[in-house]
Full PDB file with SEQRES, HELIX, SHEET, SSBOND, CRYST1, ORIGX, SCALE, CONECT and MASTER records, all heavy atoms in Angstrom:
SEQRES   1 A   33  LEU SER GLU LYS GLU LYS GLN GLY PHE ASP SER ALA PRO          
SEQRES   2 A   33  GLU MET ALA LEU ILE PHE GLY ASP SER ILE LYS GLU ILE          
SEQRES   3 A   33  PHE ALA PRO ASN GLU ALA ASP                                  
HELIX    1 AA1 SER A    2  LYS A    6  1                                   5    
HELIX    2 AA2 ALA A   12  ILE A   23  1                                  12    
HELIX    3 AA3 LYS A   24  PHE A   27  5                                   4    
CRYST1    1.000    1.000    1.000  90.00  90.00  90.00 P 1           1          
ORIGX1      1.000000  0.000000  0.000000        0.00000                         
ORIGX2      0.000000  1.000000  0.000000        0.00000                         
ORIGX3      0.000000  0.000000  1.000000        0.00000                         
SCALE1      1.000000  0.000000  0.000000        0.00000                         
SCALE2      0.000000  1.000000  0.000000        0.00000                         
SCALE3      0.000000  0.000000  1.000000        0.00000                         
ATOM      1  N   LEU A   1       0.835  -1.207   0.000  1.00  0.00           N  
ATOM      2  CA  LEU A   1       0.000   0.000   0.000  1.00  0.00           C  
ATOM      3  C   LEU A   1       0.869   1.257   0.000  1.00  0.00           C  
ATOM      4  O   LEU A   1       0.613   2.213  -0.749  1.00  0.00           O  
ATOM      5  CB  LEU A   1      -0.894  -0.021   1.241  1.00  0.00           C  
ATOM      6  CG  LEU A   1      -2.210   0.753   1.186  1.00  0.00           C  
ATOM      7  CD1 LEU A   1      -3.146   0.156   0.140  1.00  0.00           C  
ATOM      8  CD2 LEU A   1      -2.883   0.723   2.552  1.00  0.00           C  
ATOM      9  N   SER A   2       1.920   1.248   0.818  1.00  0.00           N  
ATOM     10  CA  SER A   2       2.819   2.387   0.906  1.00  0.00           C  
ATOM     11  C   SER A   2       3.516   2.658  -0.424  1.00  0.00           C  
ATOM     12  O   SER A   2       3.660   3.815  -0.850  1.00  0.00           O  
ATOM     13  CB  SER A   2       3.863   2.145   2.002  1.00  0.00           C  
ATOM     14  OG  SER A   2       4.783   3.199   2.081  1.00  0.00           O  
ATOM     15  N   GLU A   3       3.943   1.594  -1.087  1.00  0.00           N  
ATOM     16  CA  GLU A   3       4.619   1.748  -2.377  1.00  0.00           C  
ATOM     17  C   GLU A   3       3.664   2.309  -3.422  1.00  0.00           C  
ATOM     18  O   GLU A   3       4.042   3.176  -4.229  1.00  0.00           O  
ATOM     19  CB  GLU A   3       5.163   0.393  -2.837  1.00  0.00           C  
ATOM     20  CG  GLU A   3       6.037   0.452  -4.076  1.00  0.00           C  
ATOM     21  CD  GLU A   3       7.248   1.361  -3.924  1.00  0.00           C  
ATOM     22  OE1 GLU A   3       7.811   1.435  -2.801  1.00  0.00           O  
ATOM     23  OE2 GLU A   3       7.641   2.029  -4.908  1.00  0.00           O  
ATOM     24  N   LYS A   4       2.422   1.848  -3.404  1.00  0.00           N  
ATOM     25  CA  LYS A   4       1.413   2.365  -4.331  1.00  0.00           C  
ATOM     26  C   LYS A   4       1.158   3.855  -4.081  1.00  0.00           C  
ATOM     27  O   LYS A   4       0.973   4.642  -5.018  1.00  0.00           O  
ATOM     28  CB  LYS A   4       0.111   1.580  -4.173  1.00  0.00           C  
ATOM     29  CG  LYS A   4       0.170   0.134  -4.629  1.00  0.00           C  
ATOM     30  CD  LYS A   4       0.088   0.013  -6.131  1.00  0.00           C  
ATOM     31  CE  LYS A   4      -0.046  -1.435  -6.558  1.00  0.00           C  
ATOM     32  NZ  LYS A   4      -0.101  -1.573  -8.044  1.00  0.00           N  
ATOM     33  N   GLU A   5       1.136   4.231  -2.811  1.00  0.00           N  
ATOM     34  CA  GLU A   5       0.917   5.632  -2.467  1.00  0.00           C  
ATOM     35  C   GLU A   5       2.049   6.500  -3.006  1.00  0.00           C  
ATOM     36  O   GLU A   5       1.822   7.592  -3.534  1.00  0.00           O  
ATOM     37  CB  GLU A   5       0.807   5.792  -0.952  1.00  0.00           C  
ATOM     38  CG  GLU A   5      -0.486   5.238  -0.373  1.00  0.00           C  
ATOM     39  CD  GLU A   5      -0.557   5.393   1.136  1.00  0.00           C  
ATOM     40  OE1 GLU A   5       0.392   5.960   1.729  1.00  0.00           O  
ATOM     41  OE2 GLU A   5      -1.559   4.955   1.728  1.00  0.00           O  
ATOM     42  N   LYS A   6       3.280   6.021  -2.860  1.00  0.00           N  
ATOM     43  CA  LYS A   6       4.437   6.766  -3.352  1.00  0.00           C  
ATOM     44  C   LYS A   6       4.375   6.947  -4.864  1.00  0.00           C  
ATOM     45  O   LYS A   6       4.846   7.950  -5.405  1.00  0.00           O  
ATOM     46  CB  LYS A   6       5.725   6.043  -2.975  1.00  0.00           C  
ATOM     47  CG  LYS A   6       6.037   6.080  -1.485  1.00  0.00           C  
ATOM     48  CD  LYS A   6       7.264   5.239  -1.158  1.00  0.00           C  
ATOM     49  CE  LYS A   6       7.530   5.199   0.341  1.00  0.00           C  
ATOM     50  NZ  LYS A   6       8.686   4.314   0.674  1.00  0.00           N  
ATOM     51  N   GLN A   7       3.779   5.972  -5.549  1.00  0.00           N  
ATOM     52  CA  GLN A   7       3.653   6.036  -6.998  1.00  0.00           C  
ATOM     53  C   GLN A   7       2.468   6.906  -7.437  1.00  0.00           C  
ATOM     54  O   GLN A   7       2.273   7.149  -8.620  1.00  0.00           O  
ATOM     55  CB  GLN A   7       3.474   4.622  -7.562  1.00  0.00           C  
ATOM     56  CG  GLN A   7       4.682   3.717  -7.363  1.00  0.00           C  
ATOM     57  CD  GLN A   7       4.384   2.265  -7.703  1.00  0.00           C  
ATOM     58  OE1 GLN A   7       3.288   1.921  -8.149  1.00  0.00           O  
ATOM     59  NE2 GLN A   7       5.372   1.404  -7.503  1.00  0.00           N  
ATOM     60  N   GLY A   8       1.658   7.328  -6.443  1.00  0.00           N  
ATOM     61  CA  GLY A   8       0.489   8.136  -6.756  1.00  0.00           C  
ATOM     62  C   GLY A   8      -0.648   7.340  -7.354  1.00  0.00           C  
ATOM     63  O   GLY A   8      -1.500   7.884  -8.076  1.00  0.00           O  
ATOM     64  N   PHE A   9      -0.686   6.054  -7.083  1.00  0.00           N  
ATOM     65  CA  PHE A   9      -1.723   5.171  -7.627  1.00  0.00           C  
ATOM     66  C   PHE A   9      -3.088   5.694  -7.192  1.00  0.00           C  
ATOM     67  O   PHE A   9      -3.343   5.916  -6.013  1.00  0.00           O  
ATOM     68  CB  PHE A   9      -1.504   3.756  -7.092  1.00  0.00           C  
ATOM     69  CG  PHE A   9      -2.323   2.707  -7.781  1.00  0.00           C  
ATOM     70  CD1 PHE A   9      -2.088   2.376  -9.101  1.00  0.00           C  
ATOM     71  CD2 PHE A   9      -3.323   2.042  -7.095  1.00  0.00           C  
ATOM     72  CE1 PHE A   9      -2.847   1.390  -9.740  1.00  0.00           C  
ATOM     73  CE2 PHE A   9      -4.083   1.063  -7.716  1.00  0.00           C  
ATOM     74  CZ  PHE A   9      -3.848   0.736  -9.042  1.00  0.00           C  
ATOM     75  N   ASP A  10      -4.009   5.897  -8.158  1.00  0.00           N  
ATOM     76  CA  ASP A  10      -5.245   6.608  -7.848  1.00  0.00           C  
ATOM     77  C   ASP A  10      -6.511   5.764  -7.949  1.00  0.00           C  
ATOM     78  O   ASP A  10      -7.622   6.307  -8.017  1.00  0.00           O  
ATOM     79  CB  ASP A  10      -5.384   7.842  -8.739  1.00  0.00           C  
ATOM     80  CG  ASP A  10      -5.434   7.474 -10.225  1.00  0.00           C  
ATOM     81  OD1 ASP A  10      -5.334   6.283 -10.548  1.00  0.00           O  
ATOM     82  OD2 ASP A  10      -5.577   8.401 -11.044  1.00  0.00           O  
ATOM     83  N   SER A  11      -6.405   4.441  -7.935  1.00  0.00           N  
ATOM     84  CA  SER A  11      -7.596   3.602  -7.962  1.00  0.00           C  
ATOM     85  C   SER A  11      -8.017   3.286  -6.530  1.00  0.00           C  
ATOM     86  O   SER A  11      -7.458   2.398  -5.884  1.00  0.00           O  
ATOM     87  CB  SER A  11      -7.328   2.294  -8.727  1.00  0.00           C  
ATOM     88  OG  SER A  11      -8.447   1.425  -8.621  1.00  0.00           O  
ATOM     89  N   ALA A  12      -8.994   4.022  -6.022  1.00  0.00           N  
ATOM     90  CA  ALA A  12      -9.437   3.839  -4.643  1.00  0.00           C  
ATOM     91  C   ALA A  12      -9.956   2.422  -4.365  1.00  0.00           C  
ATOM     92  O   ALA A  12      -9.619   1.843  -3.329  1.00  0.00           O  
ATOM     93  CB  ALA A  12     -10.514   4.870  -4.298  1.00  0.00           C  
ATOM     94  N   PRO A  13     -10.745   1.816  -5.275  1.00  0.00           N  
ATOM     95  CA  PRO A  13     -11.207   0.451  -5.014  1.00  0.00           C  
ATOM     96  C   PRO A  13     -10.065  -0.549  -4.872  1.00  0.00           C  
ATOM     97  O   PRO A  13     -10.107  -1.432  -4.006  1.00  0.00           O  
ATOM     98  CB  PRO A  13     -12.077   0.122  -6.232  1.00  0.00           C  
ATOM     99  CG  PRO A  13     -12.546   1.446  -6.721  1.00  0.00           C  
ATOM    100  CD  PRO A  13     -11.388   2.366  -6.487  1.00  0.00           C  
ATOM    101  N   GLU A  14      -9.033  -0.413  -5.711  1.00  0.00           N  
ATOM    102  CA  GLU A  14      -7.897  -1.346  -5.631  1.00  0.00           C  
ATOM    103  C   GLU A  14      -7.068  -1.113  -4.379  1.00  0.00           C  
ATOM    104  O   GLU A  14      -6.589  -2.064  -3.746  1.00  0.00           O  
ATOM    105  CB  GLU A  14      -7.037  -1.222  -6.888  1.00  0.00           C  
ATOM    106  CG  GLU A  14      -7.704  -1.780  -8.142  1.00  0.00           C  
ATOM    107  CD  GLU A  14      -6.749  -1.828  -9.326  1.00  0.00           C  
ATOM    108  OE1 GLU A  14      -5.603  -2.284  -9.143  1.00  0.00           O  
ATOM    109  OE2 GLU A  14      -7.149  -1.377 -10.413  1.00  0.00           O  
ATOM    110  N   MET A  15      -6.896   0.129  -3.989  1.00  0.00           N  
ATOM    111  CA  MET A  15      -6.169   0.432  -2.756  1.00  0.00           C  
ATOM    112  C   MET A  15      -6.928  -0.119  -1.549  1.00  0.00           C  
ATOM    113  O   MET A  15      -6.335  -0.644  -0.602  1.00  0.00           O  
ATOM    114  CB  MET A  15      -5.969   1.940  -2.616  1.00  0.00           C  
ATOM    115  CG  MET A  15      -5.046   2.541  -3.661  1.00  0.00           C  
ATOM    116  SD  MET A  15      -3.315   1.996  -3.476  1.00  0.00           S  
ATOM    117  CE  MET A  15      -2.756   3.100  -2.178  1.00  0.00           C  
ATOM    118  N   ALA A  16      -8.238   0.002  -1.585  1.00  0.00           N  
ATOM    119  CA  ALA A  16      -9.065  -0.523  -0.495  1.00  0.00           C  
ATOM    120  C   ALA A  16      -8.964  -2.045  -0.413  1.00  0.00           C  
ATOM    121  O   ALA A  16      -8.934  -2.616   0.687  1.00  0.00           O  
ATOM    122  CB  ALA A  16     -10.520  -0.093  -0.694  1.00  0.00           C  
ATOM    123  N   LEU A  17      -8.898  -2.695  -1.569  1.00  0.00           N  
ATOM    124  CA  LEU A  17      -8.734  -4.153  -1.592  1.00  0.00           C  
ATOM    125  C   LEU A  17      -7.413  -4.570  -0.951  1.00  0.00           C  
ATOM    126  O   LEU A  17      -7.353  -5.550  -0.205  1.00  0.00           O  
ATOM    127  CB  LEU A  17      -8.791  -4.661  -3.035  1.00  0.00           C  
ATOM    128  CG  LEU A  17     -10.178  -4.849  -3.652  1.00  0.00           C  
ATOM    129  CD1 LEU A  17     -10.055  -5.130  -5.154  1.00  0.00           C  
ATOM    130  CD2 LEU A  17     -10.930  -5.996  -2.968  1.00  0.00           C  
ATOM    131  N   ILE A  18      -6.355  -3.824  -1.253  1.00  0.00           N  
ATOM    132  CA  ILE A  18      -5.040  -4.131  -0.679  1.00  0.00           C  
ATOM    133  C   ILE A  18      -5.085  -3.998   0.841  1.00  0.00           C  
ATOM    134  O   ILE A  18      -4.579  -4.847   1.569  1.00  0.00           O  
ATOM    135  CB  ILE A  18      -3.953  -3.213  -1.280  1.00  0.00           C  
ATOM    136  CG1 ILE A  18      -3.779  -3.492  -2.769  1.00  0.00           C  
ATOM    137  CG2 ILE A  18      -2.620  -3.420  -0.553  1.00  0.00           C  
ATOM    138  CD1 ILE A  18      -2.922  -2.458  -3.493  1.00  0.00           C  
ATOM    139  N   PHE A  19      -5.701  -2.910   1.314  1.00  0.00           N  
ATOM    140  CA  PHE A  19      -5.791  -2.731   2.763  1.00  0.00           C  
ATOM    141  C   PHE A  19      -6.631  -3.838   3.396  1.00  0.00           C  
ATOM    142  O   PHE A  19      -6.272  -4.380   4.449  1.00  0.00           O  
ATOM    143  CB  PHE A  19      -6.396  -1.369   3.104  1.00  0.00           C  
ATOM    144  CG  PHE A  19      -6.494  -1.140   4.596  1.00  0.00           C  
ATOM    145  CD1 PHE A  19      -5.374  -0.809   5.339  1.00  0.00           C  
ATOM    146  CD2 PHE A  19      -7.706  -1.289   5.254  1.00  0.00           C  
ATOM    147  CE1 PHE A  19      -5.449  -0.629   6.708  1.00  0.00           C  
ATOM    148  CE2 PHE A  19      -7.793  -1.107   6.624  1.00  0.00           C  
ATOM    149  CZ  PHE A  19      -6.666  -0.778   7.356  1.00  0.00           C  
ATOM    150  N   GLY A  20      -7.746  -4.174   2.766  1.00  0.00           N  
ATOM    151  CA  GLY A  20      -8.588  -5.251   3.287  1.00  0.00           C  
ATOM    152  C   GLY A  20      -7.840  -6.565   3.381  1.00  0.00           C  
ATOM    153  O   GLY A  20      -7.938  -7.285   4.384  1.00  0.00           O  
ATOM    154  N   ASP A  21      -7.067  -6.866   2.353  1.00  0.00           N  
ATOM    155  CA  ASP A  21      -6.279  -8.104   2.364  1.00  0.00           C  
ATOM    156  C   ASP A  21      -5.220  -8.087   3.460  1.00  0.00           C  
ATOM    157  O   ASP A  21      -4.855  -9.132   4.008  1.00  0.00           O  
ATOM    158  CB  ASP A  21      -5.597  -8.315   1.002  1.00  0.00           C  
ATOM    159  CG  ASP A  21      -6.540  -8.905  -0.038  1.00  0.00           C  
ATOM    160  OD1 ASP A  21      -7.592  -9.451   0.355  1.00  0.00           O  
ATOM    161  OD2 ASP A  21      -6.239  -8.812  -1.239  1.00  0.00           O  
ATOM    162  N   SER A  22      -4.728  -6.904   3.796  1.00  0.00           N  
ATOM    163  CA  SER A  22      -3.668  -6.820   4.808  1.00  0.00           C  
ATOM    164  C   SER A  22      -4.178  -7.125   6.213  1.00  0.00           C  
ATOM    165  O   SER A  22      -3.419  -7.598   7.057  1.00  0.00           O  
ATOM    166  CB  SER A  22      -3.013  -5.432   4.774  1.00  0.00           C  
ATOM    167  OG  SER A  22      -3.849  -4.455   5.353  1.00  0.00           O  
ATOM    168  N   ILE A  23      -5.471  -6.874   6.485  1.00  0.00           N  
ATOM    169  CA  ILE A  23      -5.983  -7.101   7.840  1.00  0.00           C  
ATOM    170  C   ILE A  23      -6.863  -8.350   7.969  1.00  0.00           C  
ATOM    171  O   ILE A  23      -7.283  -8.694   9.068  1.00  0.00           O  
ATOM    172  CB  ILE A  23      -6.773  -5.879   8.358  1.00  0.00           C  
ATOM    173  CG1 ILE A  23      -8.105  -5.715   7.614  1.00  0.00           C  
ATOM    174  CG2 ILE A  23      -5.938  -4.613   8.298  1.00  0.00           C  
ATOM    175  CD1 ILE A  23      -9.051  -4.743   8.301  1.00  0.00           C  
ATOM    176  N   LYS A  24      -7.113  -9.054   6.878  1.00  0.00           N  
ATOM    177  CA  LYS A  24      -8.061 -10.169   6.928  1.00  0.00           C  
ATOM    178  C   LYS A  24      -7.649 -11.272   7.889  1.00  0.00           C  
ATOM    179  O   LYS A  24      -8.504 -11.903   8.538  1.00  0.00           O  
ATOM    180  CB  LYS A  24      -8.278 -10.743   5.529  1.00  0.00           C  
ATOM    181  CG  LYS A  24      -7.047 -11.415   4.917  1.00  0.00           C  
ATOM    182  CD  LYS A  24      -7.331 -11.915   3.508  1.00  0.00           C  
ATOM    183  CE  LYS A  24      -6.100 -12.579   2.896  1.00  0.00           C  
ATOM    184  NZ  LYS A  24      -6.352 -13.006   1.499  1.00  0.00           N  
ATOM    185  N   GLU A  25      -6.346 -11.536   8.019  1.00  0.00           N  
ATOM    186  CA  GLU A  25      -5.895 -12.617   8.896  1.00  0.00           C  
ATOM    187  C   GLU A  25      -6.136 -12.298  10.368  1.00  0.00           C  
ATOM    188  O   GLU A  25      -6.259 -13.210  11.195  1.00  0.00           O  
ATOM    189  CB  GLU A  25      -4.413 -12.917   8.664  1.00  0.00           C  
ATOM    190  CG  GLU A  25      -4.081 -13.487   7.294  1.00  0.00           C  
ATOM    191  CD  GLU A  25      -4.735 -14.831   7.015  1.00  0.00           C  
ATOM    192  OE1 GLU A  25      -5.052 -15.560   7.986  1.00  0.00           O  
ATOM    193  OE2 GLU A  25      -4.941 -15.154   5.829  1.00  0.00           O  
ATOM    194  N   ILE A  26      -6.219 -11.029  10.705  1.00  0.00           N  
ATOM    195  CA  ILE A  26      -6.501 -10.631  12.086  1.00  0.00           C  
ATOM    196  C   ILE A  26      -7.870 -11.146  12.523  1.00  0.00           C  
ATOM    197  O   ILE A  26      -8.081 -11.474  13.691  1.00  0.00           O  
ATOM    198  CB  ILE A  26      -6.404  -9.098  12.215  1.00  0.00           C  
ATOM    199  CG1 ILE A  26      -4.935  -8.669  12.140  1.00  0.00           C  
ATOM    200  CG2 ILE A  26      -7.063  -8.590  13.493  1.00  0.00           C  
ATOM    201  CD1 ILE A  26      -4.725  -7.173  12.070  1.00  0.00           C  
ATOM    202  N   PHE A  27      -8.793 -11.250  11.582  1.00  0.00           N  
ATOM    203  CA  PHE A  27     -10.146 -11.701  11.901  1.00  0.00           C  
ATOM    204  C   PHE A  27     -10.243 -13.221  11.998  1.00  0.00           C  
ATOM    205  O   PHE A  27     -11.284 -13.741  12.410  1.00  0.00           O  
ATOM    206  CB  PHE A  27     -11.127 -11.186  10.848  1.00  0.00           C  
ATOM    207  CG  PHE A  27     -11.538  -9.761  11.065  1.00  0.00           C  
ATOM    208  CD1 PHE A  27     -10.652  -8.716  10.839  1.00  0.00           C  
ATOM    209  CD2 PHE A  27     -12.809  -9.445  11.518  1.00  0.00           C  
ATOM    210  CE1 PHE A  27     -11.012  -7.394  11.060  1.00  0.00           C  
ATOM    211  CE2 PHE A  27     -13.191  -8.130  11.738  1.00  0.00           C  
ATOM    212  CZ  PHE A  27     -12.282  -7.105  11.506  1.00  0.00           C  
ATOM    213  N   ALA A  28      -9.197 -13.933  11.626  1.00  0.00           N  
ATOM    214  CA  ALA A  28      -9.211 -15.400  11.651  1.00  0.00           C  
ATOM    215  C   ALA A  28      -8.129 -15.909  12.601  1.00  0.00           C  
ATOM    216  O   ALA A  28      -7.026 -16.250  12.165  1.00  0.00           O  
ATOM    217  CB  ALA A  28      -8.985 -15.948  10.244  1.00  0.00           C  
ATOM    218  N   PRO A  29      -8.416 -15.966  13.897  1.00  0.00           N  
ATOM    219  CA  PRO A  29      -7.386 -16.379  14.862  1.00  0.00           C  
ATOM    220  C   PRO A  29      -6.952 -17.826  14.711  1.00  0.00           C  
ATOM    221  O   PRO A  29      -5.822 -18.175  15.050  1.00  0.00           O  
ATOM    222  CB  PRO A  29      -8.065 -16.147  16.216  1.00  0.00           C  
ATOM    223  CG  PRO A  29      -9.528 -16.228  15.921  1.00  0.00           C  
ATOM    224  CD  PRO A  29      -9.687 -15.645  14.558  1.00  0.00           C  
ATOM    225  N   ASN A  30      -7.851 -18.654  14.201  1.00  0.00           N  
ATOM    226  CA  ASN A  30      -7.559 -20.079  14.027  1.00  0.00           C  
ATOM    227  C   ASN A  30      -7.432 -20.368  12.535  1.00  0.00           C  
ATOM    228  O   ASN A  30      -8.423 -20.383  11.808  1.00  0.00           O  
ATOM    229  CB  ASN A  30      -8.667 -20.925  14.654  1.00  0.00           C  
ATOM    230  CG  ASN A  30      -8.913 -20.536  16.104  1.00  0.00           C  
ATOM    231  OD1 ASN A  30      -7.998 -20.484  16.912  1.00  0.00           O  
ATOM    232  ND2 ASN A  30     -10.170 -20.237  16.447  1.00  0.00           N  
ATOM    233  N   GLU A  31      -6.221 -20.595  12.085  1.00  0.00           N  
ATOM    234  CA  GLU A  31      -5.882 -20.557  10.662  1.00  0.00           C  
ATOM    235  C   GLU A  31      -6.749 -21.421   9.765  1.00  0.00           C  
ATOM    236  O   GLU A  31      -7.203 -20.979   8.713  1.00  0.00           O  
ATOM    237  CB  GLU A  31      -4.409 -20.942  10.477  1.00  0.00           C  
ATOM    238  CG  GLU A  31      -3.949 -20.873   9.029  1.00  0.00           C  
ATOM    239  CD  GLU A  31      -2.460 -21.103   8.881  1.00  0.00           C  
ATOM    240  OE1 GLU A  31      -1.806 -21.431   9.895  1.00  0.00           O  
ATOM    241  OE2 GLU A  31      -1.950 -20.948   7.764  1.00  0.00           O  
ATOM    242  N   ALA A  32      -6.987 -22.649  10.149  1.00  0.00           N  
ATOM    243  CA  ALA A  32      -7.611 -23.586   9.210  1.00  0.00           C  
ATOM    244  C   ALA A  32      -8.953 -24.120   9.691  1.00  0.00           C  
ATOM    245  O   ALA A  32      -9.397 -25.154   9.225  1.00  0.00           O  
ATOM    246  CB  ALA A  32      -6.665 -24.754   8.943  1.00  0.00           C  
ATOM    247  N   ASP A  33      -9.613 -23.440  10.606  1.00  0.00           N  
ATOM    248  CA  ASP A  33     -10.875 -23.992  11.098  1.00  0.00           C  
ATOM    249  C   ASP A  33     -12.018 -23.680  10.127  1.00  0.00           C  
ATOM    250  O   ASP A  33     -11.861 -22.958   9.146  1.00  0.00           O  
ATOM    251  CB  ASP A  33     -11.163 -23.530  12.531  1.00  0.00           C  
ATOM    252  CG  ASP A  33     -11.774 -22.141  12.592  1.00  0.00           C  
ATOM    253  OD1 ASP A  33     -11.756 -21.426  11.583  1.00  0.00           O  
ATOM    254  OD2 ASP A  33     -12.268 -21.769  13.673  1.00  0.00           O  
TER     255      ASP A  33                                                      
MASTER        0    0    0    3    0    0    0    6  254    1    0    3          
END                                                                             
């Protein structure tokens, strides 16, 4: 996300997807259940 910001990447939906993917594992404490 930081690298995209430095490049001035302007697709808000894609940036939001990247952020969502970065925190998704926090919501799954048990990896394979």
